[in-house]
Amino acid sequence: MITQDIIQKLWDAAGIGNVAVWGDDTMTIVPPDYPGETAGKKPLVILKPIVLVNRYELLDFALHDEELLINIENTLRAAGGQVTRAPKS
């Protein structure tokens, strides 16, 4: 997974729901009251957009915030996921 792709998904999901990140590198938007399991499968993590990206006025600010990037990367790696950062352009 690419960290910036996760941030983009969080940005898009803000106000709609949370983002479930799955072991097969997919992401889905889940409702805030999601029970944490779908068809017997649990996501690696459930990320909450309001907590992570709502403090930024523009998506570009979130995409380049070192603290946010590290936070997401550490969270995914701690759950057993693999994540890399997109090259700087």
PDB file of N, CA and C in Angstrom:
ATOM      1  N   MET A   1       0.840  -1.180   0.000  1.00  0.00           N
ATOM      2  CA  MET A   1       0.000   0.000   0.000  1.00  0.00           C
ATOM      3  C   MET A   1       0.886   1.245   0.000  1.00  0.00           C
ATOM      4  N   ILE A   2       0.355   2.280  -0.517  1.00  0.00           N
ATOM      5  CA  ILE A   2       1.048   3.562  -0.549  1.00  0.00           C
ATOM      6  C   ILE A   2       0.397   4.476   0.492  1.00  0.00           C
ATOM      7  N   THR A   3       1.220   5.055   1.342  1.00  0.00           N
ATOM      8  CA  THR A   3       0.709   5.896   2.437  1.00  0.00           C
ATOM      9  C   THR A   3      -0.180   7.016   1.910  1.00  0.00           C
ATOM     10  N   GLN A   4       0.243   7.675   0.846  1.00  0.00           N
ATOM     11  CA  GLN A   4      -0.530   8.795   0.315  1.00  0.00           C
ATOM     12  C   GLN A   4      -1.879   8.342  -0.234  1.00  0.00           C
ATOM     13  N   ASP A   5      -1.959   7.116  -0.754  1.00  0.00           N
ATOM     14  CA  ASP A   5      -3.249   6.586  -1.217  1.00  0.00           C
ATOM     15  C   ASP A   5      -4.213   6.412  -0.040  1.00  0.00           C
ATOM     16  N   ILE A   6      -3.665   6.003   1.092  1.00  0.00           N
ATOM     17  CA  ILE A   6      -4.477   5.849   2.296  1.00  0.00           C
ATOM     18  C   ILE A   6      -4.995   7.206   2.753  1.00  0.00           C
ATOM     19  N   ILE A   7      -4.141   8.208   2.722  1.00  0.00           N
ATOM     20  CA  ILE A   7      -4.557   9.560   3.120  1.00  0.00           C
ATOM     21  C   ILE A   7      -5.644  10.072   2.180  1.00  0.00           C
ATOM     22  N   GLN A   8      -5.499   9.824   0.884  1.00  0.00           N
ATOM     23  CA  GLN A   8      -6.527  10.233  -0.085  1.00  0.00           C
ATOM     24  C   GLN A   8      -7.855   9.570   0.239  1.00  0.00           C
ATOM     25  N   LYS A   9      -7.825   8.273   0.552  1.00  0.00           N
ATOM     26  CA  LYS A   9      -9.056   7.544   0.883  1.00  0.00           C
ATOM     27  C   LYS A   9      -9.678   8.098   2.166  1.00  0.00           C
ATOM     28  N   LEU A  10      -8.829   8.406   3.155  1.00  0.00           N
ATOM     29  CA  LEU A  10      -9.330   9.008   4.395  1.00  0.00           C
ATOM     30  C   LEU A  10      -9.995  10.347   4.112  1.00  0.00           C
ATOM     31  N   TRP A  11      -9.381  11.143   3.283  1.00  0.00           N
ATOM     32  CA  TRP A  11      -9.914  12.461   2.927  1.00  0.00           C
ATOM     33  C   TRP A  11     -11.284  12.311   2.260  1.00  0.00           C
ATOM     34  N   ASP A  12     -11.379  11.351   1.340  1.00  0.00           N
ATOM     35  CA  ASP A  12     -12.631  11.117   0.627  1.00  0.00           C
ATOM     36  C   ASP A  12     -13.721  10.577   1.551  1.00  0.00           C
ATOM     37  N   ALA A  13     -13.325   9.838   2.588  1.00  0.00           N
ATOM     38  CA  ALA A  13     -14.293   9.209   3.494  1.00  0.00           C
ATOM     39  C   ALA A  13     -14.736  10.117   4.632  1.00  0.00           C
ATOM     40  N   ALA A  14     -14.057  11.233   4.811  1.00  0.00           N
ATOM     41  CA  ALA A  14     -14.398  12.136   5.917  1.00  0.00           C
ATOM     42  C   ALA A  14     -15.865  12.544   5.824  1.00  0.00           C
ATOM     43  N   GLY A  15     -16.584  12.348   6.908  1.00  0.00           N
ATOM     44  CA  GLY A  15     -18.001  12.671   6.954  1.00  0.00           C
ATOM     45  C   GLY A  15     -18.898  11.546   6.473  1.00  0.00           C
ATOM     46  N   ILE A  16     -18.308  10.496   5.900  1.00  0.00           N
ATOM     47  CA  ILE A  16     -19.091   9.359   5.407  1.00  0.00           C
ATOM     48  C   ILE A  16     -18.941   8.162   6.344  1.00  0.00           C
ATOM     49  N   GLY A  17     -17.706   7.879   6.713  1.00  0.00           N
ATOM     50  CA  GLY A  17     -17.430   6.715   7.556  1.00  0.00           C
ATOM     51  C   GLY A  17     -15.947   6.585   7.825  1.00  0.00           C
ATOM     52  N   ASN A  18     -15.538   5.403   8.233  1.00  0.00           N
ATOM     53  CA  ASN A  18     -14.144   5.115   8.518  1.00  0.00           C
ATOM     54  C   ASN A  18     -13.573   4.279   7.380  1.00  0.00           C
ATOM     55  N   VAL A  19     -12.256   4.099   7.392  1.00  0.00           N
ATOM     56  CA  VAL A  19     -11.605   3.329   6.341  1.00  0.00           C
ATOM     57  C   VAL A  19     -11.036   2.044   6.934  1.00  0.00           C
ATOM     58  N   ALA A  20     -11.506   0.917   6.431  1.00  0.00           N
ATOM     59  CA  ALA A  20     -10.973  -0.384   6.821  1.00  0.00           C
ATOM     60  C   ALA A  20      -9.877  -0.749   5.830  1.00  0.00           C
ATOM     61  N   VAL A  21      -8.708  -1.103   6.346  1.00  0.00           N
ATOM     62  CA  VAL A  21      -7.588  -1.532   5.516  1.00  0.00           C
ATOM     63  C   VAL A  21      -7.440  -3.038   5.715  1.00  0.00           C
ATOM     64  N   TRP A  22      -7.486  -3.763   4.607  1.00  0.00           N
ATOM     65  CA  TRP A  22      -7.502  -5.221   4.639  1.00  0.00           C
ATOM     66  C   TRP A  22      -6.138  -5.807   4.307  1.00  0.00           C
ATOM     67  N   GLY A  23      -5.937  -7.040   4.660  1.00  0.00           N
ATOM     68  CA  GLY A  23      -4.673  -7.724   4.441  1.00  0.00           C
ATOM     69  C   GLY A  23      -4.291  -7.894   2.982  1.00  0.00           C
ATOM     70  N   ASP A  24      -5.261  -7.793   2.073  1.00  0.00           N
ATOM     71  CA  ASP A  24      -4.977  -7.911   0.641  1.00  0.00           C
ATOM     72  C   ASP A  24      -4.717  -6.553  -0.015  1.00  0.00           C
ATOM     73  N   ASP A  25      -4.408  -5.551   0.814  1.00  0.00           N
ATOM     74  CA  ASP A  25      -4.088  -4.192   0.357  1.00  0.00           C
ATOM     75  C   ASP A  25      -5.269  -3.446  -0.254  1.00  0.00           C
ATOM     76  N   THR A  26      -6.477  -3.815   0.118  1.00  0.00           N
ATOM     77  CA  THR A  26      -7.641  -3.052  -0.308  1.00  0.00           C
ATOM     78  C   THR A  26      -8.133  -2.206   0.856  1.00  0.00           C
ATOM     79  N   MET A  27      -8.902  -1.194   0.510  1.00  0.00           N
ATOM     80  CA  MET A  27      -9.504  -0.318   1.510  1.00  0.00           C
ATOM     81  C   MET A  27     -10.980  -0.189   1.193  1.00  0.00           C
ATOM     82  N   THR A  28     -11.794  -0.182   2.235  1.00  0.00           N
ATOM     83  CA  THR A  28     -13.222   0.041   2.053  1.00  0.00           C
ATOM     84  C   THR A  28     -13.700   1.052   3.086  1.00  0.00           C
ATOM     85  N   ILE A  29     -14.707   1.793   2.713  1.00  0.00           N
ATOM     86  CA  ILE A  29     -15.325   2.720   3.656  1.00  0.00           C
ATOM     87  C   ILE A  29     -16.368   1.930   4.432  1.00  0.00           C
ATOM     88  N   VAL A  30     -16.285   2.024   5.751  1.00  0.00           N
ATOM     89  CA  VAL A  30     -17.227   1.320   6.618  1.00  0.00           C
ATOM     90  C   VAL A  30     -17.938   2.352   7.491  1.00  0.00           C
ATOM     91  N   PRO A  31     -19.151   2.051   7.933  1.00  0.00           N
ATOM     92  CA  PRO A  31     -19.878   3.003   8.774  1.00  0.00           C
ATOM     93  C   PRO A  31     -19.186   3.179  10.130  1.00  0.00           C
ATOM     94  N   PRO A  32     -19.434   4.311  10.774  1.00  0.00           N
ATOM     95  CA  PRO A  32     -18.815   4.561  12.085  1.00  0.00           C
ATOM     96  C   PRO A  32     -19.126   3.481  13.117  1.00  0.00           C
ATOM     97  N   ASP A  33     -20.264   2.807  12.987  1.00  0.00           N
ATOM     98  CA  ASP A  33     -20.627   1.764  13.951  1.00  0.00           C
ATOM     99  C   ASP A  33     -20.269   0.367  13.449  1.00  0.00           C
ATOM    100  N   TYR A  34     -19.343   0.273  12.517  1.00  0.00           N
ATOM    101  CA  TYR A  34     -18.912  -1.009  11.954  1.00  0.00           C
ATOM    102  C   TYR A  34     -18.437  -1.941  13.063  1.00  0.00           C
ATOM    103  N   PRO A  35     -18.911  -3.181  13.088  1.00  0.00           N
ATOM    104  CA  PRO A  35     -18.571  -4.107  14.169  1.00  0.00           C
ATOM    105  C   PRO A  35     -17.155  -4.670  14.106  1.00  0.00           C
ATOM    106  N   GLY A  36     -16.418  -4.397  13.020  1.00  0.00           N
ATOM    107  CA  GLY A  36     -15.034  -4.850  12.943  1.00  0.00           C
ATOM    108  C   GLY A  36     -14.839  -6.171  12.236  1.00  0.00           C
ATOM    109  N   GLU A  37     -15.892  -6.667  11.581  1.00  0.00           N
ATOM    110  CA  GLU A  37     -15.792  -7.949  10.891  1.00  0.00           C
ATOM    111  C   GLU A  37     -16.818  -8.007   9.768  1.00  0.00           C
ATOM    112  N   THR A  38     -16.403  -8.559   8.625  1.00  0.00           N
ATOM    113  CA  THR A  38     -17.305  -8.757   7.501  1.00  0.00           C
ATOM    114  C   THR A  38     -17.127 -10.184   7.004  1.00  0.00           C
ATOM    115  N   ALA A  39     -18.188 -10.936   6.985  1.00  0.00           N
ATOM    116  CA  ALA A  39     -18.171 -12.328   6.517  1.00  0.00           C
ATOM    117  C   ALA A  39     -17.061 -13.128   7.191  1.00  0.00           C
ATOM    118  N   GLY A  40     -16.878 -12.890   8.474  1.00  0.00           N
ATOM    119  CA  GLY A  40     -15.884 -13.625   9.246  1.00  0.00           C
ATOM    120  C   GLY A  40     -14.452 -13.135   9.088  1.00  0.00           C
ATOM    121  N   LYS A  41     -14.255 -12.067   8.327  1.00  0.00           N
ATOM    122  CA  LYS A  41     -12.908 -11.517   8.118  1.00  0.00           C
ATOM    123  C   LYS A  41     -12.793 -10.169   8.808  1.00  0.00           C
ATOM    124  N   LYS A  42     -11.630  -9.967   9.434  1.00  0.00           N
ATOM    125  CA  LYS A  42     -11.365  -8.697  10.118  1.00  0.00           C
ATOM    126  C   LYS A  42     -10.314  -7.911   9.346  1.00  0.00           C
ATOM    127  N   PRO A  43     -10.490  -6.599   9.252  1.00  0.00           N
ATOM    128  CA  PRO A  43      -9.464  -5.777   8.607  1.00  0.00           C
ATOM    129  C   PRO A  43      -8.219  -5.674   9.496  1.00  0.00           C
ATOM    130  N   LEU A  44      -7.105  -5.303   8.881  1.00  0.00           N
ATOM    131  CA  LEU A  44      -5.887  -5.057   9.665  1.00  0.00           C
ATOM    132  C   LEU A  44      -6.119  -3.912  10.641  1.00  0.00           C
ATOM    133  N   VAL A  45      -6.652  -2.826  10.121  1.00  0.00           N
ATOM    134  CA  VAL A  45      -6.941  -1.647  10.944  1.00  0.00           C
ATOM    135  C   VAL A  45      -8.177  -0.939  10.415  1.00  0.00           C
ATOM    136  N   ILE A  46      -8.783  -0.158  11.285  1.00  0.00           N
ATOM    137  CA  ILE A  46      -9.856   0.749  10.886  1.00  0.00           C
ATOM    138  C   ILE A  46      -9.374   2.146  11.241  1.00  0.00           C
ATOM    139  N   LEU A  47      -9.229   2.974  10.225  1.00  0.00           N
ATOM    140  CA  LEU A  47      -8.724   4.337  10.413  1.00  0.00           C
ATOM    141  C   LEU A  47      -9.893   5.315  10.408  1.00  0.00           C
ATOM    142  N   LYS A  48      -9.803   6.295  11.281  1.00  0.00           N
ATOM    143  CA  LYS A  48     -10.882   7.274  11.440  1.00  0.00           C
ATOM    144  C   LYS A  48     -10.472   8.621  10.818  1.00  0.00           C
ATOM    145  N   PRO A  49     -11.113   8.990   9.711  1.00  0.00           N
ATOM    146  CA  PRO A  49     -10.758  10.221   9.017  1.00  0.00           C
ATOM    147  C   PRO A  49     -10.860  11.475   9.885  1.00  0.00           C
ATOM    148  N   ILE A  50     -11.891  11.553  10.704  1.00  0.00           N
ATOM    149  CA  ILE A  50     -12.082  12.768  11.504  1.00  0.00           C
ATOM    150  C   ILE A  50     -10.878  13.001  12.403  1.00  0.00           C
ATOM    151  N   VAL A  51     -10.353  11.942  12.978  1.00  0.00           N
ATOM    152  CA  VAL A  51      -9.193  12.049  13.859  1.00  0.00           C
ATOM    153  C   VAL A  51      -7.923  12.360  13.070  1.00  0.00           C
ATOM    154  N   LEU A  52      -7.800  11.767  11.882  1.00  0.00           N
ATOM    155  CA  LEU A  52      -6.536  11.847  11.148  1.00  0.00           C
ATOM    156  C   LEU A  52      -6.423  13.011  10.168  1.00  0.00           C
ATOM    157  N   VAL A  53      -7.466  13.332   9.420  1.00  0.00           N
ATOM    158  CA  VAL A  53      -7.295  14.339   8.363  1.00  0.00           C
ATOM    159  C   VAL A  53      -8.173  15.580   8.474  1.00  0.00           C
ATOM    160  N   ASN A  54      -9.119  15.595   9.369  1.00  0.00           N
ATOM    161  CA  ASN A  54     -10.014  16.755   9.426  1.00  0.00           C
ATOM    162  C   ASN A  54      -9.333  18.042   9.881  1.00  0.00           C
ATOM    163  N   ARG A  55      -8.171  17.956  10.467  1.00  0.00           N
ATOM    164  CA  ARG A  55      -7.476  19.165  10.929  1.00  0.00           C
ATOM    165  C   ARG A  55      -6.786  19.924   9.794  1.00  0.00           C
ATOM    166  N   TYR A  56      -6.739  19.332   8.607  1.00  0.00           N
ATOM    167  CA  TYR A  56      -6.063  19.964   7.475  1.00  0.00           C
ATOM    168  C   TYR A  56      -7.067  20.713   6.606  1.00  0.00           C
ATOM    169  N   GLU A  57      -6.688  21.903   6.187  1.00  0.00           N
ATOM    170  CA  GLU A  57      -7.571  22.693   5.336  1.00  0.00           C
ATOM    171  C   GLU A  57      -7.593  22.177   3.902  1.00  0.00           C
ATOM    172  N   LEU A  58      -6.457  21.634   3.467  1.00  0.00           N
ATOM    173  CA  LEU A  58      -6.338  21.128   2.100  1.00  0.00           C
ATOM    174  C   LEU A  58      -5.734  19.731   2.110  1.00  0.00           C
ATOM    175  N   LEU A  59      -6.145  18.914   1.162  1.00  0.00           N
ATOM    176  CA  LEU A  59      -5.618  17.561   1.046  1.00  0.00           C
ATOM    177  C   LEU A  59      -4.100  17.576   0.900  1.00  0.00           C
ATOM    178  N   ASP A  60      -3.572  18.511   0.155  1.00  0.00           N
ATOM    179  CA  ASP A  60      -2.131  18.582  -0.069  1.00  0.00           C
ATOM    180  C   ASP A  60      -1.356  18.716   1.245  1.00  0.00           C
ATOM    181  N   PHE A  61      -1.920  19.438   2.200  1.00  0.00           N
ATOM    182  CA  PHE A  61      -1.267  19.576   3.505  1.00  0.00           C
ATOM    183  C   PHE A  61      -1.176  18.217   4.201  1.00  0.00           C
ATOM    184  N   ALA A  62      -2.243  17.444   4.137  1.00  0.00           N
ATOM    185  CA  ALA A  62      -2.257  16.119   4.762  1.00  0.00           C
ATOM    186  C   ALA A  62      -1.279  15.177   4.055  1.00  0.00           C
ATOM    187  N   LEU A  63      -1.237  15.240   2.749  1.00  0.00           N
ATOM    188  CA  LEU A  63      -0.364  14.345   1.982  1.00  0.00           C
ATOM    189  C   LEU A  63       1.117  14.555   2.265  1.00  0.00           C
ATOM    190  N   HIS A  64       1.471  15.734   2.748  1.00  0.00           N
ATOM    191  CA  HIS A  64       2.884  16.055   2.991  1.00  0.00           C
ATOM    192  C   HIS A  64       3.228  16.220   4.467  1.00  0.00           C
ATOM    193  N   ASP A  65       2.299  15.924   5.354  1.00  0.00           N
ATOM    194  CA  ASP A  65       2.565  16.067   6.783  1.00  0.00           C
ATOM    195  C   ASP A  65       3.327  14.838   7.296  1.00  0.00           C
ATOM    196  N   GLU A  66       4.570  15.043   7.650  1.00  0.00           N
ATOM    197  CA  GLU A  66       5.448  13.945   8.077  1.00  0.00           C
ATOM    198  C   GLU A  66       4.876  13.182   9.270  1.00  0.00           C
ATOM    199  N   GLU A  67       4.330  13.882  10.219  1.00  0.00           N
ATOM    200  CA  GLU A  67       3.762  13.231  11.411  1.00  0.00           C
ATOM    201  C   GLU A  67       2.598  12.311  11.041  1.00  0.00           C
ATOM    202  N   LEU A  68       1.722  12.772  10.172  1.00  0.00           N
ATOM    203  CA  LEU A  68       0.591  11.954   9.732  1.00  0.00           C
ATOM    204  C   LEU A  68       1.071  10.733   8.954  1.00  0.00           C
ATOM    205  N   LEU A  69       2.011  10.924   8.044  1.00  0.00           N
ATOM    206  CA  LEU A  69       2.551   9.819   7.267  1.00  0.00           C
ATOM    207  C   LEU A  69       3.143   8.741   8.181  1.00  0.00           C
ATOM    208  N   ILE A  70       3.956   9.156   9.134  1.00  0.00           N
ATOM    209  CA  ILE A  70       4.581   8.214  10.064  1.00  0.00           C
ATOM    210  C   ILE A  70       3.525   7.515  10.916  1.00  0.00           C
ATOM    211  N   ASN A  71       2.543   8.245  11.390  1.00  0.00           N
ATOM    212  CA  ASN A  71       1.483   7.672  12.219  1.00  0.00           C
ATOM    213  C   ASN A  71       0.754   6.549  11.476  1.00  0.00           C
ATOM    214  N   ILE A  72       0.370   6.799  10.247  1.00  0.00           N
ATOM    215  CA  ILE A  72      -0.341   5.795   9.458  1.00  0.00           C
ATOM    216  C   ILE A  72       0.563   4.596   9.168  1.00  0.00           C
ATOM    217  N   GLU A  73       1.808   4.862   8.794  1.00  0.00           N
ATOM    218  CA  GLU A  73       2.747   3.778   8.499  1.00  0.00           C
ATOM    219  C   GLU A  73       2.987   2.898   9.724  1.00  0.00           C
ATOM    220  N   ASN A  74       3.208   3.514  10.863  1.00  0.00           N
ATOM    221  CA  ASN A  74       3.443   2.749  12.092  1.00  0.00           C
ATOM    222  C   ASN A  74       2.217   1.925  12.491  1.00  0.00           C
ATOM    223  N   THR A  75       1.033   2.497  12.327  1.00  0.00           N
ATOM    224  CA  THR A  75      -0.200   1.795  12.665  1.00  0.00           C
ATOM    225  C   THR A  75      -0.375   0.550  11.798  1.00  0.00           C
ATOM    226  N   LEU A  76      -0.158   0.699  10.497  1.00  0.00           N
ATOM    227  CA  LEU A  76      -0.316  -0.441   9.588  1.00  0.00           C
ATOM    228  C   LEU A  76       0.747  -1.507   9.830  1.00  0.00           C
ATOM    229  N   ARG A  77       1.970  -1.089  10.020  1.00  0.00           N
ATOM    230  CA  ARG A  77       3.036  -2.069  10.253  1.00  0.00           C
ATOM    231  C   ARG A  77       2.819  -2.820  11.562  1.00  0.00           C
ATOM    232  N   ALA A  78       2.349  -2.125  12.579  1.00  0.00           N
ATOM    233  CA  ALA A  78       2.079  -2.784  13.861  1.00  0.00           C
ATOM    234  C   ALA A  78       0.985  -3.840  13.738  1.00  0.00           C
ATOM    235  N   ALA A  79       0.090  -3.655  12.756  1.00  0.00           N
ATOM    236  CA  ALA A  79      -1.009  -4.604  12.540  1.00  0.00           C
ATOM    237  C   ALA A  79      -0.598  -5.724  11.564  1.00  0.00           C
ATOM    238  N   GLY A  80       0.635  -5.678  11.079  1.00  0.00           N
ATOM    239  CA  GLY A  80       1.106  -6.710  10.183  1.00  0.00           C
ATOM    240  C   GLY A  80       1.030  -6.363   8.711  1.00  0.00           C
ATOM    241  N   GLY A  81       0.656  -5.132   8.409  1.00  0.00           N
ATOM    242  CA  GLY A  81       0.553  -4.703   7.014  1.00  0.00           C
ATOM    243  C   GLY A  81       1.857  -4.161   6.478  1.00  0.00           C
ATOM    244  N   GLN A  82       1.919  -4.022   5.164  1.00  0.00           N
ATOM    245  CA  GLN A  82       3.070  -3.432   4.516  1.00  0.00           C
ATOM    246  C   GLN A  82       2.647  -2.132   3.874  1.00  0.00           C
ATOM    247  N   VAL A  83       3.460  -1.125   4.054  1.00  0.00           N
ATOM    248  CA  VAL A  83       3.138   0.191   3.519  1.00  0.00           C
ATOM    249  C   VAL A  83       4.424   0.885   3.116  1.00  0.00           C
ATOM    250  N   THR A  84       4.367   1.606   2.018  1.00  0.00           N
ATOM    251  CA  THR A  84       5.503   2.391   1.558  1.00  0.00           C
ATOM    252  C   THR A  84       5.015   3.787   1.212  1.00  0.00           C
ATOM    253  N   ARG A  85       5.948   4.691   1.218  1.00  0.00           N
ATOM    254  CA  ARG A  85       5.634   6.081   0.899  1.00  0.00           C
ATOM    255  C   ARG A  85       5.926   6.332  -0.570  1.00  0.00           C
ATOM    256  N   ALA A  86       5.060   7.069  -1.218  1.00  0.00           N
ATOM    257  CA  ALA A  86       5.280   7.438  -2.623  1.00  0.00           C
ATOM    258  C   ALA A  86       6.504   8.339  -2.721  1.00  0.00           C
ATOM    259  N   PRO A  87       7.234   8.238  -3.818  1.00  0.00           N
ATOM    260  CA  PRO A  87       8.387   9.120  -3.981  1.00  0.00           C
ATOM    261  C   PRO A  87       7.948  10.581  -4.047  1.00  0.00           C
ATOM    262  N   LYS A  88       8.798  11.430  -3.501  1.00  0.00           N
ATOM    263  CA  LYS A  88       8.487  12.874  -3.545  1.00  0.00           C
ATOM    264  C   LYS A  88       8.588  13.362  -4.973  1.00  0.00           C
ATOM    265  N   SER A  89       7.620  14.211  -5.322  1.00  0.00           N
ATOM    266  CA  SER A  89       7.626  14.744  -6.692  1.00  0.00           C
ATOM    267  C   SER A  89       7.992  16.198  -6.707  1.00  0.00           C
TER     268      SER A  89
END
